[in-house]
Amino acid sequence: MLLVFEGIDGVGKSTQIRAVSEALRVLGIEVVASKEPTDGPFGRRLRASATTGRLDPAEELELFMADRREHVARLILPSLARGAVVILDRYYFSTAAYQGARGLSWEAILAANEEFAPEPDLLVWLDLPPDASMERIRARGDGANEFERANLLEASRRIFASISKPYLRRMDATQSVEAIRDTVVGEVRQLLGARGLHADGRKPTDTGASI
């Protein structure tokens, strides 16, 4: 199962991923948590550009796509194949939103990614106005990087709001960590149950014993 947290910077994605991961592990579920950009060679170049200056939009998009192809092949698909719940801090929806805010077609970016990257079973969009987002960024002691300009955050938020998928759930990011966590964990358990799986991923007839 693939669970993705999205939203502009400062909405609390990392906090939620820690909280949800812990809650699912308590239920006996194997969780693989990851992020994009990754710490691979393409991802490192993208992270560096956040402080040294944004790349050309087309070049930046190429790096995001290359980083994601590697991520999908090396981590996401193998983890899903063995039955783990994969939780991502950003995915191709962020690429669509942030590159779309720079003038590229966000619809075309989604379509290009959907050709090779598995769609999530649940996409949690943590929504927060950019002014509140910037307050949180300042409160944690971070200076805004090149991806965290107010006008870019507003344009990116509008694109997130335009994405319509049956697996997308918008959640008010001003809610408590616990309230969001409990809602997400409940949805994950429902999705597992709909597939005839226990909380730990086993089918009802599977005792977990090996022959």
N, C-alpha and C. Protein backbone atom coordinates (compact mmCIF):
# COMPACT_ATOMS: atom_id res chain seq x y z
N MET A 1 0.84 -1.19 0.00
CA MET A 1 0.00 0.00 0.00
C MET A 1 0.88 1.24 0.00
N LEU A 2 0.50 2.22 -0.81
CA LEU A 2 1.28 3.44 -0.95
C LEU A 2 0.48 4.63 -0.39
N LEU A 3 1.06 5.27 0.63
CA LEU A 3 0.46 6.42 1.30
C LEU A 3 1.37 7.62 1.08
N VAL A 4 0.82 8.71 0.58
CA VAL A 4 1.61 9.90 0.25
C VAL A 4 1.08 11.11 1.00
N PHE A 5 1.99 11.87 1.59
CA PHE A 5 1.65 13.15 2.21
C PHE A 5 2.16 14.27 1.32
N GLU A 6 1.27 15.20 1.01
CA GLU A 6 1.61 16.33 0.14
C GLU A 6 1.16 17.65 0.77
N GLY A 7 1.63 18.72 0.19
CA GLY A 7 1.26 20.05 0.63
C GLY A 7 2.45 20.98 0.48
N ILE A 8 2.19 22.28 0.62
CA ILE A 8 3.28 23.23 0.52
C ILE A 8 4.19 23.09 1.74
N ASP A 9 5.31 23.79 1.73
CA ASP A 9 6.25 23.70 2.84
C ASP A 9 5.62 24.23 4.13
N GLY A 10 6.00 23.61 5.24
CA GLY A 10 5.55 24.08 6.54
C GLY A 10 4.21 23.58 7.01
N VAL A 11 3.60 22.61 6.30
CA VAL A 11 2.27 22.14 6.70
C VAL A 11 2.32 21.01 7.72
N GLY A 12 3.50 20.44 7.96
CA GLY A 12 3.62 19.38 8.96
C GLY A 12 3.70 17.97 8.41
N LYS A 13 4.16 17.82 7.19
CA LYS A 13 4.23 16.49 6.58
C LYS A 13 5.15 15.55 7.36
N SER A 14 6.34 16.02 7.69
CA SER A 14 7.31 15.18 8.40
C SER A 14 6.78 14.76 9.77
N THR A 15 6.14 15.69 10.46
CA THR A 15 5.56 15.38 11.77
C THR A 15 4.49 14.31 11.64
N GLN A 16 3.63 14.44 10.64
CA GLN A 16 2.58 13.45 10.45
C GLN A 16 3.13 12.08 10.07
N ILE A 17 4.15 12.07 9.24
CA ILE A 17 4.72 10.79 8.81
C ILE A 17 5.30 10.05 10.01
N ARG A 18 5.97 10.76 10.90
CA ARG A 18 6.48 10.11 12.11
C ARG A 18 5.34 9.57 12.96
N ALA A 19 4.29 10.37 13.14
CA ALA A 19 3.17 9.95 13.99
C ALA A 19 2.42 8.77 13.39
N VAL A 20 2.12 8.83 12.09
CA VAL A 20 1.38 7.75 11.44
C VAL A 20 2.23 6.48 11.37
N SER A 21 3.51 6.62 11.06
CA SER A 21 4.39 5.45 10.99
C SER A 21 4.42 4.72 12.33
N GLU A 22 4.56 5.47 13.41
CA GLU A 22 4.59 4.86 14.74
C GLU A 22 3.28 4.15 15.05
N ALA A 23 2.16 4.79 14.73
CA ALA A 23 0.85 4.20 15.01
C ALA A 23 0.64 2.92 14.20
N LEU A 24 1.08 2.89 12.95
CA LEU A 24 0.91 1.69 12.12
C LEU A 24 1.83 0.57 12.59
N ARG A 25 3.03 0.90 13.01
CA ARG A 25 3.95 -0.13 13.49
C ARG A 25 3.43 -0.79 14.76
N VAL A 26 2.76 -0.01 15.61
CA VAL A 26 2.15 -0.57 16.81
C VAL A 26 1.10 -1.61 16.44
N LEU A 27 0.45 -1.42 15.29
CA LEU A 27 -0.55 -2.38 14.81
C LEU A 27 0.08 -3.59 14.13
N GLY A 28 1.39 -3.63 14.06
CA GLY A 28 2.07 -4.77 13.45
C GLY A 28 2.29 -4.64 11.96
N ILE A 29 2.18 -3.43 11.44
CA ILE A 29 2.33 -3.20 10.00
C ILE A 29 3.76 -2.79 9.69
N GLU A 30 4.34 -3.40 8.67
CA GLU A 30 5.67 -2.99 8.23
C GLU A 30 5.53 -1.66 7.49
N VAL A 31 6.29 -0.67 7.92
CA VAL A 31 6.24 0.66 7.32
C VAL A 31 7.61 0.99 6.74
N VAL A 32 7.61 1.47 5.51
CA VAL A 32 8.83 1.99 4.88
C VAL A 32 8.57 3.47 4.59
N ALA A 33 9.25 4.35 5.31
CA ALA A 33 9.07 5.79 5.13
C ALA A 33 10.21 6.35 4.28
N SER A 34 9.86 7.19 3.33
CA SER A 34 10.88 7.78 2.46
C SER A 34 10.45 9.19 2.09
N LYS A 35 11.26 9.86 1.28
CA LYS A 35 10.99 11.25 0.93
C LYS A 35 11.47 11.52 -0.48
N GLU A 36 10.96 12.60 -1.03
CA GLU A 36 11.44 13.12 -2.32
C GLU A 36 11.63 14.62 -2.19
N PRO A 37 12.71 15.16 -2.76
CA PRO A 37 13.79 14.44 -3.43
C PRO A 37 14.49 13.49 -2.47
N THR A 38 15.09 12.43 -3.02
CA THR A 38 15.79 11.45 -2.21
C THR A 38 17.19 11.95 -1.89
N ASP A 39 17.95 11.09 -1.21
CA ASP A 39 19.36 11.42 -0.93
C ASP A 39 20.30 10.86 -1.99
N GLY A 40 19.73 10.41 -3.12
CA GLY A 40 20.54 9.93 -4.23
C GLY A 40 21.20 11.08 -4.97
N PRO A 41 21.97 10.77 -6.00
CA PRO A 41 22.72 11.82 -6.71
C PRO A 41 21.84 12.90 -7.32
N PHE A 42 20.71 12.50 -7.90
CA PHE A 42 19.81 13.50 -8.49
C PHE A 42 19.14 14.34 -7.40
N GLY A 43 18.72 13.66 -6.35
CA GLY A 43 18.08 14.36 -5.24
C GLY A 43 19.01 15.34 -4.56
N ARG A 44 20.27 14.96 -4.42
CA ARG A 44 21.24 15.87 -3.77
C ARG A 44 21.42 17.15 -4.59
N ARG A 45 21.42 17.02 -5.90
CA ARG A 45 21.54 18.22 -6.74
C ARG A 45 20.33 19.13 -6.55
N LEU A 46 19.16 18.53 -6.44
CA LEU A 46 17.95 19.33 -6.24
C LEU A 46 17.96 20.02 -4.88
N ARG A 47 18.39 19.30 -3.85
CA ARG A 47 18.43 19.90 -2.52
C ARG A 47 19.43 21.05 -2.48
N ALA A 48 20.55 20.88 -3.16
CA ALA A 48 21.56 21.94 -3.19
C ALA A 48 21.00 23.19 -3.85
N SER A 49 20.17 23.01 -4.87
CA SER A 49 19.63 24.17 -5.60
C SER A 49 18.66 24.97 -4.75
N ALA A 50 18.14 24.36 -3.68
CA ALA A 50 17.22 25.09 -2.81
C ALA A 50 17.93 26.24 -2.09
N THR A 51 19.24 26.11 -1.92
CA THR A 51 20.00 27.16 -1.24
C THR A 51 20.90 27.95 -2.19
N THR A 52 21.33 27.32 -3.27
CA THR A 52 22.25 28.00 -4.19
C THR A 52 21.54 28.72 -5.32
N GLY A 53 20.26 28.39 -5.54
CA GLY A 53 19.51 29.03 -6.62
C GLY A 53 18.84 28.00 -7.50
N ARG A 54 17.58 28.25 -7.85
CA ARG A 54 16.80 27.31 -8.64
C ARG A 54 17.42 27.10 -10.01
N LEU A 55 17.29 25.88 -10.50
CA LEU A 55 17.73 25.54 -11.84
C LEU A 55 16.69 25.99 -12.86
N ASP A 56 17.05 25.92 -14.13
CA ASP A 56 16.08 26.15 -15.19
C ASP A 56 14.91 25.18 -15.00
N PRO A 57 13.65 25.62 -15.18
CA PRO A 57 12.50 24.75 -14.92
C PRO A 57 12.57 23.39 -15.63
N ALA A 58 12.97 23.38 -16.89
CA ALA A 58 13.04 22.11 -17.63
C ALA A 58 14.13 21.21 -17.07
N GLU A 59 15.28 21.79 -16.73
CA GLU A 59 16.37 21.00 -16.15
C GLU A 59 15.98 20.46 -14.78
N GLU A 60 15.32 21.30 -14.00
CA GLU A 60 14.87 20.88 -12.67
C GLU A 60 13.88 19.72 -12.78
N LEU A 61 12.95 19.82 -13.73
CA LEU A 61 11.98 18.75 -13.94
C LEU A 61 12.68 17.45 -14.32
N GLU A 62 13.67 17.53 -15.18
CA GLU A 62 14.42 16.32 -15.57
C GLU A 62 15.05 15.65 -14.37
N LEU A 63 15.62 16.44 -13.46
CA LEU A 63 16.24 15.87 -12.27
C LEU A 63 15.20 15.23 -11.35
N PHE A 64 14.06 15.88 -11.18
CA PHE A 64 13.00 15.28 -10.37
C PHE A 64 12.55 13.95 -10.96
N MET A 65 12.39 13.90 -12.27
CA MET A 65 11.95 12.66 -12.92
C MET A 65 12.99 11.56 -12.78
N ALA A 66 14.26 11.91 -12.97
CA ALA A 66 15.33 10.91 -12.85
C ALA A 66 15.42 10.39 -11.41
N ASP A 67 15.31 11.30 -10.45
CA ASP A 67 15.34 10.91 -9.04
C ASP A 67 14.19 9.97 -8.72
N ARG A 68 13.01 10.28 -9.26
CA ARG A 68 11.83 9.46 -8.97
C ARG A 68 11.91 8.09 -9.65
N ARG A 69 12.40 8.03 -10.85
CA ARG A 69 12.55 6.73 -11.52
C ARG A 69 13.43 5.80 -10.68
N GLU A 70 14.52 6.35 -10.18
CA GLU A 70 15.42 5.56 -9.34
C GLU A 70 14.74 5.16 -8.03
N HIS A 71 14.01 6.07 -7.45
CA HIS A 71 13.29 5.82 -6.20
C HIS A 71 12.25 4.72 -6.38
N VAL A 72 11.48 4.80 -7.45
CA VAL A 72 10.46 3.79 -7.73
C VAL A 72 11.09 2.42 -7.91
N ALA A 73 12.14 2.35 -8.70
CA ALA A 73 12.75 1.06 -9.03
C ALA A 73 13.47 0.44 -7.84
N ARG A 74 14.15 1.25 -7.05
CA ARG A 74 15.01 0.72 -5.99
C ARG A 74 14.31 0.53 -4.65
N LEU A 75 13.30 1.35 -4.37
CA LEU A 75 12.67 1.27 -3.05
C LEU A 75 11.17 1.05 -3.09
N ILE A 76 10.46 1.88 -3.85
CA ILE A 76 9.00 1.86 -3.75
C ILE A 76 8.41 0.54 -4.22
N LEU A 77 8.72 0.12 -5.44
CA LEU A 77 8.14 -1.12 -5.97
C LEU A 77 8.57 -2.35 -5.18
N PRO A 78 9.86 -2.52 -4.83
CA PRO A 78 10.23 -3.69 -4.03
C PRO A 78 9.53 -3.73 -2.67
N SER A 79 9.36 -2.59 -2.04
CA SER A 79 8.69 -2.55 -0.73
C SER A 79 7.21 -2.89 -0.86
N LEU A 80 6.56 -2.37 -1.88
CA LEU A 80 5.16 -2.69 -2.11
C LEU A 80 4.99 -4.17 -2.43
N ALA A 81 5.93 -4.73 -3.17
CA ALA A 81 5.83 -6.13 -3.58
C ALA A 81 5.85 -7.09 -2.40
N ARG A 82 6.54 -6.70 -1.33
CA ARG A 82 6.59 -7.60 -0.16
C ARG A 82 5.50 -7.27 0.86
N GLY A 83 4.61 -6.33 0.52
CA GLY A 83 3.45 -6.07 1.36
C GLY A 83 3.60 -4.96 2.37
N ALA A 84 4.67 -4.18 2.30
CA ALA A 84 4.85 -3.09 3.25
C ALA A 84 3.94 -1.91 2.90
N VAL A 85 3.67 -1.09 3.90
CA VAL A 85 3.02 0.19 3.66
C VAL A 85 4.14 1.21 3.44
N VAL A 86 4.18 1.78 2.27
CA VAL A 86 5.20 2.79 1.93
C VAL A 86 4.59 4.17 2.15
N ILE A 87 5.27 4.98 2.95
CA ILE A 87 4.80 6.34 3.24
C ILE A 87 5.81 7.33 2.69
N LEU A 88 5.34 8.23 1.84
CA LEU A 88 6.23 9.18 1.18
C LEU A 88 5.95 10.61 1.62
N ASP A 89 7.03 11.31 1.91
CA ASP A 89 7.01 12.75 2.14
C ASP A 89 7.28 13.40 0.79
N ARG A 90 6.23 13.75 0.08
CA ARG A 90 6.23 14.28 -1.28
C ARG A 90 6.37 13.16 -2.32
N TYR A 91 5.76 13.45 -3.49
CA TYR A 91 5.78 12.51 -4.61
C TYR A 91 5.60 13.37 -5.86
N TYR A 92 5.09 12.79 -6.92
CA TYR A 92 5.04 13.55 -8.17
C TYR A 92 4.01 14.68 -8.17
N PHE A 93 3.13 14.70 -7.19
CA PHE A 93 2.17 15.80 -7.09
C PHE A 93 2.88 17.10 -6.71
N SER A 94 3.91 16.99 -5.88
CA SER A 94 4.72 18.17 -5.57
C SER A 94 5.44 18.69 -6.80
N THR A 95 5.95 17.76 -7.60
CA THR A 95 6.62 18.18 -8.84
C THR A 95 5.65 18.94 -9.73
N ALA A 96 4.44 18.41 -9.86
CA ALA A 96 3.43 19.09 -10.67
C ALA A 96 3.11 20.47 -10.12
N ALA A 97 2.96 20.56 -8.79
CA ALA A 97 2.57 21.84 -8.18
C ALA A 97 3.69 22.87 -8.26
N TYR A 98 4.90 22.46 -7.90
CA TYR A 98 6.00 23.44 -7.84
C TYR A 98 6.54 23.79 -9.23
N GLN A 99 6.59 22.82 -10.13
CA GLN A 99 7.02 23.14 -11.49
C GLN A 99 5.90 23.85 -12.25
N GLY A 100 4.67 23.48 -11.95
CA GLY A 100 3.54 24.18 -12.55
C GLY A 100 3.51 25.64 -12.15
N ALA A 101 3.91 25.92 -10.91
CA ALA A 101 3.96 27.30 -10.44
C ALA A 101 5.02 28.12 -11.17
N ARG A 102 5.94 27.43 -11.86
CA ARG A 102 6.98 28.12 -12.63
C ARG A 102 6.63 28.18 -14.12
N GLY A 103 5.42 27.79 -14.45
CA GLY A 103 4.96 27.96 -15.82
C GLY A 103 4.86 26.71 -16.66
N LEU A 104 5.31 25.56 -16.14
CA LEU A 104 5.16 24.31 -16.88
C LEU A 104 3.75 23.77 -16.69
N SER A 105 3.34 22.86 -17.56
CA SER A 105 2.00 22.29 -17.49
C SER A 105 1.95 21.24 -16.38
N TRP A 106 1.22 21.53 -15.31
CA TRP A 106 1.16 20.56 -14.22
C TRP A 106 0.39 19.31 -14.64
N GLU A 107 -0.59 19.47 -15.54
CA GLU A 107 -1.32 18.29 -16.03
C GLU A 107 -0.40 17.36 -16.81
N ALA A 108 0.46 17.92 -17.64
CA ALA A 108 1.40 17.10 -18.41
C ALA A 108 2.40 16.42 -17.49
N ILE A 109 2.81 17.10 -16.42
CA ILE A 109 3.75 16.50 -15.47
C ILE A 109 3.11 15.31 -14.77
N LEU A 110 1.86 15.46 -14.35
CA LEU A 110 1.16 14.32 -13.74
C LEU A 110 1.09 13.15 -14.70
N ALA A 111 0.70 13.42 -15.93
CA ALA A 111 0.55 12.35 -16.92
C ALA A 111 1.87 11.64 -17.17
N ALA A 112 2.96 12.39 -17.26
CA ALA A 112 4.27 11.79 -17.52
C ALA A 112 4.70 10.90 -16.37
N ASN A 113 4.43 11.30 -15.15
CA ASN A 113 4.81 10.50 -13.99
C ASN A 113 3.95 9.25 -13.85
N GLU A 114 2.68 9.38 -14.20
CA GLU A 114 1.77 8.24 -14.07
C GLU A 114 2.10 7.12 -15.05
N GLU A 115 2.98 7.39 -16.01
CA GLU A 115 3.40 6.35 -16.94
C GLU A 115 4.34 5.34 -16.29
N PHE A 116 5.03 5.74 -15.21
CA PHE A 116 5.99 4.80 -14.60
C PHE A 116 5.89 4.72 -13.07
N ALA A 117 5.31 5.71 -12.44
CA ALA A 117 5.25 5.73 -10.98
C ALA A 117 3.88 5.24 -10.50
N PRO A 118 3.85 4.29 -9.56
CA PRO A 118 2.55 3.78 -9.09
C PRO A 118 1.73 4.87 -8.42
N GLU A 119 0.43 4.86 -8.69
CA GLU A 119 -0.46 5.82 -8.03
C GLU A 119 -0.61 5.44 -6.56
N PRO A 120 -0.78 6.43 -5.71
CA PRO A 120 -0.97 6.11 -4.29
C PRO A 120 -2.35 5.51 -4.03
N ASP A 121 -2.43 4.73 -2.98
CA ASP A 121 -3.73 4.24 -2.51
C ASP A 121 -4.44 5.33 -1.72
N LEU A 122 -3.64 6.17 -1.07
CA LEU A 122 -4.18 7.29 -0.31
C LEU A 122 -3.21 8.47 -0.41
N LEU A 123 -3.73 9.59 -0.86
CA LEU A 123 -2.96 10.83 -0.97
C LEU A 123 -3.54 11.83 0.02
N VAL A 124 -2.76 12.17 1.02
CA VAL A 124 -3.19 13.12 2.05
C VAL A 124 -2.61 14.49 1.71
N TRP A 125 -3.48 15.41 1.35
CA TRP A 125 -3.05 16.79 1.08
C TRP A 125 -3.29 17.61 2.33
N LEU A 126 -2.22 17.98 3.01
CA LEU A 126 -2.30 18.83 4.19
C LEU A 126 -2.34 20.28 3.72
N ASP A 127 -3.48 20.90 3.90
CA ASP A 127 -3.70 22.24 3.34
C ASP A 127 -3.56 23.31 4.40
N LEU A 128 -2.79 24.33 4.05
CA LEU A 128 -2.54 25.45 4.96
C LEU A 128 -2.29 26.70 4.12
N PRO A 129 -2.86 27.84 4.50
CA PRO A 129 -2.59 29.07 3.75
C PRO A 129 -1.10 29.42 3.81
N PRO A 130 -0.56 30.01 2.76
CA PRO A 130 0.87 30.32 2.71
C PRO A 130 1.36 31.20 3.85
N ASP A 131 0.54 32.15 4.33
CA ASP A 131 1.01 32.99 5.43
C ASP A 131 1.22 32.18 6.70
N ALA A 132 0.33 31.23 6.95
CA ALA A 132 0.50 30.34 8.11
C ALA A 132 1.70 29.42 7.91
N SER A 133 1.88 28.98 6.68
CA SER A 133 3.04 28.14 6.35
C SER A 133 4.34 28.88 6.62
N MET A 134 4.43 30.13 6.19
CA MET A 134 5.64 30.92 6.40
C MET A 134 5.89 31.16 7.88
N GLU A 135 4.83 31.35 8.66
CA GLU A 135 4.98 31.53 10.11
C GLU A 135 5.60 30.29 10.73
N ARG A 136 5.15 29.11 10.31
CA ARG A 136 5.71 27.87 10.84
C ARG A 136 7.18 27.72 10.46
N ILE A 137 7.50 28.06 9.23
CA ILE A 137 8.90 27.95 8.77
C ILE A 137 9.79 28.86 9.62
N ARG A 138 9.33 30.07 9.88
CA ARG A 138 10.11 31.00 10.71
C ARG A 138 10.20 30.51 12.15
N ALA A 139 9.10 29.93 12.66
CA ALA A 139 9.07 29.48 14.05
C ALA A 139 10.04 28.34 14.31
N ARG A 140 10.30 27.51 13.31
CA ARG A 140 11.25 26.41 13.50
C ARG A 140 12.69 26.87 13.29
N GLY A 141 12.87 28.16 13.05
CA GLY A 141 14.22 28.71 12.97
C GLY A 141 14.87 28.59 11.62
N ASP A 142 14.10 28.25 10.61
CA ASP A 142 14.65 28.10 9.26
C ASP A 142 14.40 29.36 8.44
N GLY A 143 15.38 29.74 7.66
CA GLY A 143 15.15 30.78 6.68
C GLY A 143 14.48 30.18 5.46
N ALA A 144 13.64 30.94 4.81
CA ALA A 144 12.96 30.42 3.61
C ALA A 144 13.97 30.14 2.52
N ASN A 145 13.91 28.93 1.93
CA ASN A 145 14.80 28.62 0.82
C ASN A 145 14.13 29.00 -0.50
N GLU A 146 14.78 28.62 -1.60
CA GLU A 146 14.28 29.04 -2.91
C GLU A 146 12.94 28.41 -3.28
N PHE A 147 12.55 27.34 -2.57
CA PHE A 147 11.26 26.70 -2.83
C PHE A 147 10.17 27.25 -1.92
N GLU A 148 10.53 28.16 -1.02
CA GLU A 148 9.60 28.59 0.02
C GLU A 148 9.25 30.08 -0.06
N ARG A 149 9.21 30.63 -1.26
CA ARG A 149 8.79 32.01 -1.45
C ARG A 149 7.26 32.08 -1.41
N ALA A 150 6.73 33.14 -0.81
CA ALA A 150 5.28 33.24 -0.59
C ALA A 150 4.49 33.13 -1.88
N ASN A 151 4.94 33.80 -2.95
CA ASN A 151 4.19 33.75 -4.21
C ASN A 151 4.22 32.35 -4.81
N LEU A 152 5.35 31.65 -4.65
CA LEU A 152 5.45 30.28 -5.16
C LEU A 152 4.56 29.35 -4.36
N LEU A 153 4.52 29.53 -3.04
CA LEU A 153 3.68 28.69 -2.21
C LEU A 153 2.20 28.87 -2.56
N GLU A 154 1.79 30.11 -2.81
CA GLU A 154 0.40 30.37 -3.16
C GLU A 154 0.04 29.74 -4.50
N ALA A 155 0.92 29.88 -5.49
CA ALA A 155 0.66 29.27 -6.80
C ALA A 155 0.64 27.75 -6.70
N SER A 156 1.54 27.19 -5.90
CA SER A 156 1.59 25.73 -5.72
C SER A 156 0.34 25.24 -5.02
N ARG A 157 -0.11 25.98 -4.02
CA ARG A 157 -1.33 25.59 -3.31
C ARG A 157 -2.53 25.57 -4.25
N ARG A 158 -2.61 26.53 -5.15
CA ARG A 158 -3.73 26.55 -6.11
C ARG A 158 -3.71 25.31 -6.99
N ILE A 159 -2.51 24.87 -7.36
CA ILE A 159 -2.43 23.67 -8.20
C ILE A 159 -2.82 22.43 -7.40
N PHE A 160 -2.35 22.33 -6.16
CA PHE A 160 -2.78 21.21 -5.31
C PHE A 160 -4.31 21.17 -5.24
N ALA A 161 -4.93 22.34 -5.11
CA ALA A 161 -6.39 22.41 -5.01
C ALA A 161 -7.08 22.00 -6.31
N SER A 162 -6.36 22.07 -7.42
CA SER A 162 -6.93 21.73 -8.73
C SER A 162 -6.83 20.24 -9.04
N ILE A 163 -6.00 19.53 -8.30
CA ILE A 163 -5.81 18.10 -8.56
C ILE A 163 -7.03 17.34 -8.05
N SER A 164 -7.63 16.56 -8.92
CA SER A 164 -8.82 15.79 -8.56
C SER A 164 -8.55 14.31 -8.80
N LYS A 165 -8.42 13.57 -7.71
CA LYS A 165 -8.19 12.13 -7.77
C LYS A 165 -9.08 11.45 -6.74
N PRO A 166 -9.57 10.24 -7.04
CA PRO A 166 -10.46 9.57 -6.09
C PRO A 166 -9.78 9.19 -4.78
N TYR A 167 -8.46 9.09 -4.80
CA TYR A 167 -7.73 8.70 -3.59
C TYR A 167 -7.21 9.90 -2.80
N LEU A 168 -7.53 11.13 -3.22
CA LEU A 168 -7.03 12.33 -2.54
C LEU A 168 -7.96 12.73 -1.40
N ARG A 169 -7.37 13.01 -0.25
CA ARG A 169 -8.11 13.51 0.90
C ARG A 169 -7.48 14.83 1.34
N ARG A 170 -8.26 15.90 1.29
CA ARG A 170 -7.78 17.18 1.80
C ARG A 170 -7.99 17.23 3.30
N MET A 171 -6.97 17.61 4.03
CA MET A 171 -7.08 17.73 5.48
C MET A 171 -6.58 19.10 5.92
N ASP A 172 -7.32 19.71 6.79
CA ASP A 172 -6.97 21.02 7.33
C ASP A 172 -5.74 20.86 8.22
N ALA A 173 -4.63 21.44 7.82
CA ALA A 173 -3.37 21.26 8.54
C ALA A 173 -3.30 22.06 9.83
N THR A 174 -4.36 22.84 10.15
CA THR A 174 -4.39 23.52 11.44
C THR A 174 -4.91 22.60 12.54
N GLN A 175 -5.40 21.42 12.18
CA GLN A 175 -5.84 20.45 13.17
C GLN A 175 -4.65 19.95 13.98
N SER A 176 -4.94 19.31 15.10
CA SER A 176 -3.87 18.75 15.92
C SER A 176 -3.21 17.58 15.21
N VAL A 177 -1.96 17.31 15.59
CA VAL A 177 -1.23 16.17 15.03
C VAL A 177 -2.02 14.89 15.27
N GLU A 178 -2.59 14.76 16.47
CA GLU A 178 -3.31 13.54 16.83
C GLU A 178 -4.58 13.36 16.00
N ALA A 179 -5.29 14.45 15.74
CA ALA A 179 -6.53 14.35 14.96
C ALA A 179 -6.25 13.89 13.54
N ILE A 180 -5.23 14.47 12.92
CA ILE A 180 -4.88 14.07 11.55
C ILE A 180 -4.39 12.63 11.54
N ARG A 181 -3.51 12.30 12.50
CA ARG A 181 -2.97 10.94 12.57
C ARG A 181 -4.09 9.91 12.68
N ASP A 182 -5.04 10.14 13.58
CA ASP A 182 -6.10 9.16 13.80
C ASP A 182 -6.97 8.99 12.55
N THR A 183 -7.22 10.09 11.84
CA THR A 183 -8.00 10.01 10.61
C THR A 183 -7.27 9.19 9.55
N VAL A 184 -5.98 9.45 9.39
CA VAL A 184 -5.19 8.74 8.37
C VAL A 184 -5.07 7.26 8.72
N VAL A 185 -4.77 6.95 9.97
CA VAL A 185 -4.64 5.54 10.38
C VAL A 185 -5.96 4.82 10.17
N GLY A 186 -7.08 5.48 10.46
CA GLY A 186 -8.38 4.87 10.23
C GLY A 186 -8.61 4.56 8.76
N GLU A 187 -8.21 5.48 7.88
CA GLU A 187 -8.36 5.24 6.44
C GLU A 187 -7.48 4.09 5.98
N VAL A 188 -6.26 4.02 6.50
CA VAL A 188 -5.36 2.93 6.12
C VAL A 188 -5.95 1.59 6.54
N ARG A 189 -6.49 1.52 7.73
CA ARG A 189 -7.08 0.26 8.20
C ARG A 189 -8.29 -0.13 7.35
N GLN A 190 -9.07 0.86 6.94
CA GLN A 190 -10.21 0.57 6.07
C GLN A 190 -9.74 0.02 4.72
N LEU A 191 -8.70 0.62 4.17
CA LEU A 191 -8.17 0.16 2.89
C LEU A 191 -7.63 -1.25 2.99
N LEU A 192 -6.93 -1.54 4.08
CA LEU A 192 -6.42 -2.90 4.28
C LEU A 192 -7.58 -3.88 4.43
N GLY A 193 -8.60 -3.47 5.19
CA GLY A 193 -9.75 -4.34 5.38
C GLY A 193 -10.50 -4.60 4.08
N ALA A 194 -10.58 -3.59 3.22
CA ALA A 194 -11.26 -3.76 1.93
C ALA A 194 -10.54 -4.77 1.05
N ARG A 195 -9.25 -4.96 1.32
CA ARG A 195 -8.47 -5.94 0.56
C ARG A 195 -8.46 -7.31 1.24
N GLY A 196 -9.22 -7.42 2.32
CA GLY A 196 -9.27 -8.69 3.03
C GLY A 196 -8.04 -8.95 3.84
N LEU A 197 -7.38 -7.89 4.33
CA LEU A 197 -6.16 -8.04 5.10
C LEU A 197 -6.37 -7.59 6.54
N HIS A 198 -5.63 -8.23 7.46
CA HIS A 198 -5.59 -7.75 8.83
C HIS A 198 -4.74 -6.49 8.89
N ALA A 199 -4.69 -5.89 10.07
CA ALA A 199 -3.87 -4.69 10.25
C ALA A 199 -2.40 -4.96 9.94
N ASP A 200 -1.96 -6.22 10.18
CA ASP A 200 -0.55 -6.53 9.92
C ASP A 200 -0.31 -6.98 8.49
N GLY A 201 -1.33 -6.86 7.63
CA GLY A 201 -1.15 -7.19 6.23
C GLY A 201 -1.45 -8.63 5.87
N ARG A 202 -1.74 -9.50 6.88
CA ARG A 202 -2.04 -10.90 6.59
C ARG A 202 -3.50 -11.07 6.20
N LYS A 203 -3.77 -12.07 5.38
CA LYS A 203 -5.14 -12.43 5.07
C LYS A 203 -5.72 -13.17 6.28
N PRO A 204 -7.05 -13.14 6.44
CA PRO A 204 -7.66 -13.78 7.61
C PRO A 204 -7.28 -15.23 7.79
N THR A 205 -7.02 -15.96 6.72
CA THR A 205 -6.67 -17.38 6.82
C THR A 205 -5.19 -17.62 7.00
N ASP A 206 -4.39 -16.55 6.98
CA ASP A 206 -2.94 -16.67 7.09
C ASP A 206 -2.54 -16.61 8.55
N THR A 207 -2.00 -17.69 9.09
CA THR A 207 -1.61 -17.73 10.50
C THR A 207 -0.26 -17.09 10.72
N GLY A 208 0.46 -16.83 9.63
CA GLY A 208 1.79 -16.25 9.75
C GLY A 208 2.85 -17.32 9.93
N ALA A 209 2.45 -18.59 9.99
CA ALA A 209 3.41 -19.68 10.19
C ALA A 209 4.01 -20.08 8.86
N SER A 210 5.26 -20.50 8.88
CA SER A 210 5.93 -20.97 7.68
C SER A 210 5.99 -22.48 7.68
N ILE A 211 6.04 -23.07 6.49
CA ILE A 211 6.08 -24.53 6.37
C ILE A 211 7.52 -25.00 6.38
